Amino acid sequence: RGAVSGDATDEMLGALHDVLVRPMERAGLLSGVRRLIIVPHSFMTYLPFAALRRSDSGRYLVQDYSILQASSAGALAALRRTARASADAAGGARRSAGFAPFPDALPATPVELRAFRAAVRGAGGDAGSRATESRLRAALGTGGVVHVATHGQMNPWNPMFSRIEMARGTGSAADDGRLEVHEILGLRVRADLVFLSGCETGLGPSWSTEFARGEDYASLAQAFLYAGARTVISTLWPIADDGGAEFATRFYAHLASEAPPEALAAAQREMLAVRGRRVPYYWAAYQVSGDGESGALAHR
């Protein structure tokens, strides 16, 4: 989880690439392929596939492919059918919104918010005390892009209470500043894309239990997908405040013309070229799941 590199890490990433990807490439199954759709199982739920590395050239997997994750092939097809129906029903009513509820504790999150609003024409944005849970709930129901730059808290003992932290509003259960997994599952989310820019927002409880390993039904990312979001971007480990802002800025610059998996891969490749950001800790935590086809910024 730390910013650690070295021979041992490179060797491990190379070995994983040799086992999981190289046989398909040798067989010609990936010839001409530019996007991989991965259905992870068991411990591979927590594997940052973008960081798998060729042992011969040292190239990371994300340098050759964009990557989309799905819970199953059947779920992907069903999600795309549902997404098309939802898009037709929503018509031109989409609105986008960004949130940065803790600008003092997370001083780079207002930078994320500005980058988001600059990239998404007409997007709203709330920071500080205005970035309440009730405002987030309202935004999730209107479609478009929803960007949330805040704390994510995973609860391994009671995963239905894993949460996104927002500014406290009225204090009611629906506006207490703690949007929890069980609450998300009760929402009707219409967002094309939800970007959960916080710590461990794609992590579920199975690493800490002796049952259902890999079945991360209670991760924040999965909760949003089950509630109706077309595509969700989440993280596998804690991310640095300044690094998160830099990554989000790069991602939205590409989302203007590319689908989320390609925009995410482009941002990861750019981070690879930045001095001091090359190691996977800074960019490989981000993953995109869902239908992968939500051209959210096409609605600008």
Protein backbone atom coordinates (compact mmCIF):
# COMPACT_ATOMS: atom_id res chain seq x y z
CA ARG A 1 0.00 0.00 0.00
CA GLY A 2 2.92 2.38 0.33
CA ALA A 3 4.93 4.10 -2.38
CA VAL A 4 7.35 1.20 -2.63
CA SER A 5 9.12 -0.04 -5.71
CA GLY A 6 12.06 -2.34 -6.27
CA ASP A 7 13.09 -5.65 -7.74
CA ALA A 8 10.69 -7.72 -5.64
CA THR A 9 7.65 -5.74 -6.74
CA ASP A 10 8.71 -5.77 -10.40
CA GLU A 11 9.29 -9.52 -10.25
CA MET A 12 5.86 -10.15 -8.74
CA LEU A 13 4.07 -7.96 -11.30
CA GLY A 14 6.03 -9.66 -14.09
CA ALA A 15 5.13 -13.13 -12.84
CA LEU A 16 1.45 -12.24 -12.68
CA HIS A 17 1.56 -10.91 -16.24
CA ASP A 18 3.26 -14.11 -17.42
CA VAL A 19 0.53 -16.25 -15.84
CA LEU A 20 -2.58 -14.19 -16.59
CA VAL A 21 -1.94 -12.36 -19.86
CA ARG A 22 1.05 -13.70 -21.75
CA PRO A 23 -0.53 -17.09 -22.69
CA MET A 24 -3.42 -15.28 -24.42
CA GLU A 25 -1.04 -12.99 -26.26
CA ARG A 26 1.10 -15.92 -27.41
CA ALA A 27 -2.01 -17.65 -28.73
CA GLY A 28 -2.92 -14.54 -30.72
CA LEU A 29 -6.16 -14.04 -28.80
CA LEU A 30 -5.38 -10.40 -28.06
CA SER A 31 -4.19 -9.44 -31.51
CA GLY A 32 -5.70 -6.07 -32.38
CA VAL A 33 -7.39 -5.78 -28.97
CA ARG A 34 -7.21 -2.40 -27.26
CA ARG A 35 -9.62 -2.90 -24.34
CA LEU A 36 -9.63 -5.78 -21.88
CA ILE A 37 -12.83 -6.62 -19.99
CA ILE A 38 -11.82 -8.45 -16.84
CA VAL A 39 -14.07 -10.46 -14.55
CA PRO A 40 -11.91 -10.95 -11.44
CA HIS A 41 -12.36 -13.82 -9.03
CA SER A 42 -11.32 -14.46 -5.44
CA PHE A 43 -8.09 -12.66 -4.45
CA MET A 44 -7.85 -11.15 -7.93
CA THR A 45 -10.67 -8.81 -6.93
CA TYR A 46 -7.92 -6.77 -5.26
CA LEU A 47 -5.34 -7.05 -8.03
CA PRO A 48 -4.45 -3.76 -9.77
CA PHE A 49 -4.45 -5.23 -13.26
CA ALA A 50 -3.16 -2.01 -14.81
CA ALA A 51 0.14 -2.57 -13.00
CA LEU A 52 0.86 -6.05 -14.36
CA ARG A 53 4.23 -5.79 -16.06
CA ARG A 54 5.92 -7.53 -18.98
CA SER A 55 9.02 -9.27 -17.70
CA ASP A 56 10.80 -8.77 -21.05
CA SER A 57 10.15 -5.09 -21.81
CA GLY A 58 8.97 -3.75 -18.46
CA ARG A 59 5.80 -2.28 -20.02
CA TYR A 60 2.76 -2.17 -17.78
CA LEU A 61 -0.50 -3.71 -18.94
CA VAL A 62 -2.17 -0.30 -19.08
CA GLN A 63 0.41 0.86 -21.62
CA ASP A 64 -1.02 -1.65 -24.10
CA TYR A 65 -4.68 -1.87 -23.15
CA SER A 66 -7.46 0.04 -21.45
CA ILE A 67 -9.15 -2.03 -18.74
CA LEU A 68 -12.78 -2.41 -17.71
CA GLN A 69 -13.91 -4.61 -14.83
CA ALA A 70 -17.22 -6.44 -14.60
CA SER A 71 -18.73 -8.77 -12.03
CA SER A 72 -19.66 -11.23 -14.80
CA ALA A 73 -20.10 -11.33 -18.56
CA GLY A 74 -23.85 -11.70 -18.11
CA ALA A 75 -23.96 -8.72 -15.75
CA LEU A 76 -22.15 -6.57 -18.31
CA ALA A 77 -24.72 -7.36 -21.02
CA ALA A 78 -27.62 -6.72 -18.63
CA LEU A 79 -26.08 -3.47 -17.44
CA ARG A 80 -25.73 -2.18 -20.98
CA ARG A 81 -29.35 -3.01 -21.77
CA THR A 82 -30.51 -1.26 -18.59
CA ALA A 83 -28.26 1.71 -19.26
CA ARG A 84 -29.68 2.24 -22.74
CA ALA A 85 -33.23 2.09 -21.40
CA SER A 86 -32.39 4.54 -18.60
CA ALA A 87 -30.70 6.92 -21.03
CA ASP A 88 -33.77 6.93 -23.28
CA ALA A 89 -36.01 7.61 -20.29
CA ALA A 90 -33.82 10.43 -18.98
CA GLY A 91 -33.72 12.21 -22.32
CA GLY A 92 -31.99 15.57 -22.08
CA ALA A 93 -32.44 15.97 -18.32
CA ARG A 94 -28.87 15.07 -17.37
CA ARG A 95 -27.04 17.37 -15.00
CA SER A 96 -23.55 16.92 -13.60
CA ALA A 97 -22.25 17.89 -10.17
CA GLY A 98 -19.06 17.70 -8.15
CA PHE A 99 -18.52 17.72 -4.39
CA ALA A 100 -15.59 18.56 -2.11
CA PRO A 101 -16.97 18.63 1.44
CA PHE A 102 -13.68 18.92 3.33
CA PRO A 103 -11.48 21.56 1.64
CA ASP A 104 -9.53 22.25 4.84
CA ALA A 105 -8.69 18.66 5.70
CA LEU A 106 -8.20 17.75 2.02
CA PRO A 107 -6.81 20.95 0.47
CA ALA A 108 -6.35 19.46 -3.01
CA THR A 109 -10.01 18.50 -3.39
CA PRO A 110 -11.08 22.02 -4.48
CA VAL A 111 -8.52 21.63 -7.28
CA GLU A 112 -10.33 18.45 -8.33
CA LEU A 113 -13.63 20.26 -8.22
CA ARG A 114 -12.36 23.10 -10.43
CA ALA A 115 -10.89 20.63 -12.94
CA PHE A 116 -14.18 18.73 -13.03
CA ARG A 117 -16.26 21.86 -13.62
CA ALA A 118 -13.86 23.11 -16.28
CA ALA A 119 -14.14 19.81 -18.18
CA VAL A 120 -17.88 19.24 -17.82
CA ARG A 121 -19.82 22.13 -19.30
CA GLY A 122 -22.65 23.34 -17.10
CA ALA A 123 -21.63 21.17 -14.15
CA GLY A 124 -22.47 22.38 -10.68
CA GLY A 125 -20.17 22.14 -7.73
CA ASP A 126 -20.43 22.36 -3.97
CA ALA A 127 -17.57 22.64 -1.49
CA GLY A 128 -17.40 22.81 2.28
CA SER A 129 -20.65 23.00 4.21
CA ARG A 130 -22.75 23.10 1.02
CA ALA A 131 -21.49 19.67 -0.09
CA THR A 132 -24.10 17.82 1.93
CA GLU A 133 -25.40 14.29 1.66
CA SER A 134 -28.82 15.52 0.52
CA ARG A 135 -27.26 17.46 -2.37
CA LEU A 136 -25.27 14.39 -3.38
CA ARG A 137 -28.41 12.23 -3.28
CA ALA A 138 -30.20 14.72 -5.54
CA ALA A 139 -27.31 14.80 -8.02
CA LEU A 140 -27.18 11.02 -8.26
CA GLY A 141 -30.76 10.96 -9.45
CA THR A 142 -30.35 13.38 -12.33
CA GLY A 143 -27.85 11.64 -14.63
CA GLY A 144 -24.66 13.07 -16.03
CA VAL A 145 -21.37 12.85 -14.13
CA VAL A 146 -21.08 12.92 -10.35
CA HIS A 147 -17.61 13.52 -8.90
CA VAL A 148 -17.09 13.07 -5.16
CA ALA A 149 -13.72 14.09 -3.70
CA THR A 150 -13.89 13.12 -0.05
CA HIS A 151 -13.13 10.49 2.56
CA GLY A 152 -14.19 6.93 1.90
CA GLN A 153 -14.50 4.68 4.95
CA MET A 154 -14.61 0.91 4.50
CA ASN A 155 -16.16 -0.99 7.43
CA PRO A 156 -14.86 -4.59 7.25
CA TRP A 157 -16.86 -5.73 10.29
CA ASN A 158 -20.20 -4.42 9.03
CA PRO A 159 -19.72 -3.63 5.33
CA MET A 160 -23.24 -2.38 4.79
CA PHE A 161 -22.10 0.61 6.84
CA SER A 162 -19.08 1.44 4.69
CA ARG A 163 -19.62 5.06 3.74
CA ILE A 164 -18.80 8.21 1.85
CA GLU A 165 -18.41 11.17 4.17
CA MET A 166 -20.14 14.43 3.24
CA ALA A 167 -20.85 17.69 5.04
CA ARG A 168 -23.53 17.35 7.68
CA GLY A 169 -26.83 18.87 6.63
CA THR A 170 -30.07 18.81 8.58
CA GLY A 171 -28.97 15.88 10.69
CA SER A 172 -31.76 13.61 9.47
CA ALA A 173 -30.92 10.06 8.43
CA ALA A 174 -30.84 11.18 4.79
CA ASP A 175 -28.65 14.21 5.49
CA ASP A 176 -26.31 13.30 8.34
CA GLY A 177 -23.16 13.39 6.19
CA ARG A 178 -22.72 9.61 6.08
CA LEU A 179 -23.92 8.04 2.83
CA GLU A 180 -23.66 4.34 3.66
CA VAL A 181 -23.81 1.25 1.46
CA HIS A 182 -27.25 0.17 2.70
CA GLU A 183 -28.56 3.66 1.89
CA ILE A 184 -27.01 3.67 -1.59
CA LEU A 185 -28.72 0.37 -2.36
CA GLY A 186 -32.04 2.06 -1.66
CA LEU A 187 -31.44 4.93 -4.07
CA ARG A 188 -32.39 5.16 -7.74
CA VAL A 189 -29.10 6.31 -9.24
CA ARG A 190 -29.29 7.59 -12.82
CA ALA A 191 -25.72 8.89 -13.18
CA ASP A 192 -23.78 8.03 -16.33
CA LEU A 193 -20.57 8.10 -14.33
CA VAL A 194 -19.77 8.25 -10.62
CA PHE A 195 -16.14 9.02 -9.73
CA LEU A 196 -15.45 8.11 -6.09
CA SER A 197 -12.21 9.97 -5.47
CA GLY A 198 -11.49 8.73 -1.96
CA CYS A 199 -9.66 5.97 -0.13
CA GLU A 200 -10.58 2.31 -0.75
CA THR A 201 -13.89 3.06 -2.45
CA GLY A 202 -13.59 -0.09 -4.56
CA LEU A 203 -12.60 -2.34 -1.65
CA GLY A 204 -15.02 -4.75 -0.03
CA PRO A 205 -14.92 -6.90 3.09
CA SER A 206 -13.89 -10.32 1.83
CA TRP A 207 -10.18 -9.80 2.54
CA SER A 208 -11.07 -9.64 6.24
CA THR A 209 -13.51 -12.55 6.46
CA GLU A 210 -13.42 -16.31 6.07
CA PHE A 211 -16.43 -16.43 3.75
CA ALA A 212 -17.39 -15.25 0.28
CA ARG A 213 -13.88 -14.24 -0.69
CA GLY A 214 -13.95 -12.05 -3.78
CA GLU A 215 -17.69 -11.49 -3.53
CA ASP A 216 -17.54 -7.79 -2.78
CA TYR A 217 -21.26 -7.17 -2.81
CA ALA A 218 -20.86 -4.49 -0.19
CA SER A 219 -18.15 -2.28 -1.68
CA LEU A 220 -19.13 1.32 -2.31
CA ALA A 221 -18.46 0.94 -6.03
CA GLN A 222 -20.65 -2.15 -6.35
CA ALA A 223 -23.42 -0.48 -4.36
CA PHE A 224 -23.57 2.39 -6.85
CA LEU A 225 -23.67 -0.04 -9.77
CA TYR A 226 -26.46 -2.05 -8.19
CA ALA A 227 -28.36 1.20 -7.57
CA GLY A 228 -28.24 2.10 -11.25
CA ALA A 229 -25.01 3.95 -12.04
CA ARG A 230 -23.73 3.10 -15.51
CA THR A 231 -20.03 3.36 -14.73
CA VAL A 232 -18.11 3.81 -11.47
CA ILE A 233 -14.49 4.75 -10.88
CA SER A 234 -13.14 3.69 -7.51
CA THR A 235 -9.89 2.98 -5.68
CA LEU A 236 -8.25 -0.12 -4.21
CA TRP A 237 -6.13 1.59 -1.56
CA PRO A 238 -5.67 4.96 0.18
CA ILE A 239 -4.75 7.71 -2.24
CA ALA A 240 -2.77 10.88 -1.54
CA ASP A 241 -4.70 14.14 -1.58
CA ASP A 242 -2.47 15.92 -4.11
CA GLY A 243 -2.01 12.82 -6.26
CA GLY A 244 -5.76 12.31 -6.41
CA ALA A 245 -6.30 15.84 -7.68
CA GLU A 246 -3.61 15.44 -10.32
CA PHE A 247 -5.07 12.15 -11.51
CA ALA A 248 -8.64 13.46 -11.68
CA THR A 249 -7.52 16.50 -13.67
CA ARG A 250 -5.83 14.30 -16.25
CA PHE A 251 -8.79 11.91 -16.40
CA TYR A 252 -11.34 14.62 -17.16
CA ALA A 253 -9.13 16.13 -19.83
CA HIS A 254 -9.41 12.82 -21.72
CA LEU A 255 -13.05 12.09 -20.89
CA ALA A 256 -14.07 14.92 -23.20
CA SER A 257 -13.30 12.69 -26.19
CA GLU A 258 -12.92 9.14 -24.84
CA ALA A 259 -15.01 6.57 -22.98
CA PRO A 260 -14.19 6.12 -19.26
CA PRO A 261 -11.90 3.05 -19.61
CA GLU A 262 -9.81 4.78 -22.29
CA ALA A 263 -9.77 8.10 -20.38
CA LEU A 264 -8.64 6.31 -17.23
CA ALA A 265 -5.90 4.43 -19.08
CA ALA A 266 -4.70 7.68 -20.69
CA ALA A 267 -4.46 9.35 -17.27
CA GLN A 268 -2.52 6.37 -15.92
CA ARG A 269 -0.09 6.49 -18.83
CA GLU A 270 0.48 10.19 -18.27
CA MET A 271 1.18 9.62 -14.59
CA LEU A 272 3.74 7.00 -15.61
CA ALA A 273 5.63 9.73 -17.45
CA VAL A 274 5.70 12.13 -14.48
CA ARG A 275 8.83 12.19 -12.37
CA GLY A 276 8.00 10.90 -8.91
CA ARG A 277 4.68 9.39 -9.96
CA ARG A 278 5.84 6.39 -11.99
CA VAL A 279 5.46 3.68 -9.35
CA PRO A 280 2.04 1.95 -9.38
CA TYR A 281 1.10 3.32 -5.95
CA TYR A 282 0.25 6.68 -7.54
CA TRP A 283 -1.95 5.50 -10.43
CA ALA A 284 -2.80 1.78 -10.27
CA ALA A 285 -5.34 2.07 -7.43
CA TYR A 286 -7.92 3.47 -9.85
CA GLN A 287 -10.25 1.06 -11.60
CA VAL A 288 -13.34 1.49 -13.75
CA SER A 289 -16.31 -0.85 -13.59
CA GLY A 290 -19.73 -0.93 -15.16
CA ASP A 291 -20.84 -0.77 -18.78
CA GLY A 292 -17.79 1.19 -19.95
CA GLU A 293 -19.79 2.92 -22.68
CA SER A 294 -21.13 5.98 -20.88
CA GLY A 295 -19.97 8.81 -23.08
CA ALA A 296 -20.88 11.19 -20.29
CA LEU A 297 -19.28 14.33 -21.65
CA ALA A 298 -21.01 13.89 -25.00
CA HIS A 299 -24.01 15.48 -23.30
CA ARG A 300 -22.23 18.79 -22.69
